[in-house]
C-alpha cells in the first residue's frame, strides 16, 4: 500500500471515530439519564422541557456530529478502496450502512416525527396518549443509542486493524493490500 494513501486512510479513520463516538455518547446519556428523569415529570413539565430540548438540539455542533457520523465512514470506505484495502473498505461501508439505518433511520422515522408533533402540543393540555408517545420516543432513542454504541465499537475495532490485513486479524499471504 502506498504510504501517502495509508496515511490518508489512517487519519480519515480516526477522524470518523470522533462524530461516531460523540453521537454514541449523546444518545446513550439521553437514554440512561435524561429520558428516565423526564419520565418522572408531569405532563406540562415534560412537554415544556422536551419542546425546549428540541429547539436547542438543532444546532451546528449537533448537525456536524450527527451528519459527520453518517458521511465520514463512507469517506473512509472510499479511501480504503483507493488504497487497495478492499476488505477494510467493506468493513467501513458496513459501519456507514449500519449507522444510516439504525441511527439516521430511527431518528428520521420515529424520533423526528414525534418531535414535530410534540412541538404543537399545548403543555397545559397534551393529548391523552402523551405518556405512550413519550414511551415510544424513549424506546426509539434507546434503540439508536445501543446501535450508535455498537457502530462506534465496530469502527474503533476497524480503525485498530492494519488496512492491509484480513478483518479477522490474519495477515494476507504475501501481499500488503487485500486481494
Foldseek 3Di string as FASTA:
>chain_A
DDPVLLVVLLVLLVVLLVLLVVVLVVLVCCLPPVLVVLLPDDQLVSLVVLLVCVVPCPDPVNVCSLVSNLPSLQVSLVSLVVVQLNQLSVLSVVLNVLCCCFPVVLCVVQVVVLNVVSNPADSVDGDPCVSVSSVSNSVSSVRSSVSSVVSSVSSVLSSPARSQAHSVNHHDPPDRHDD
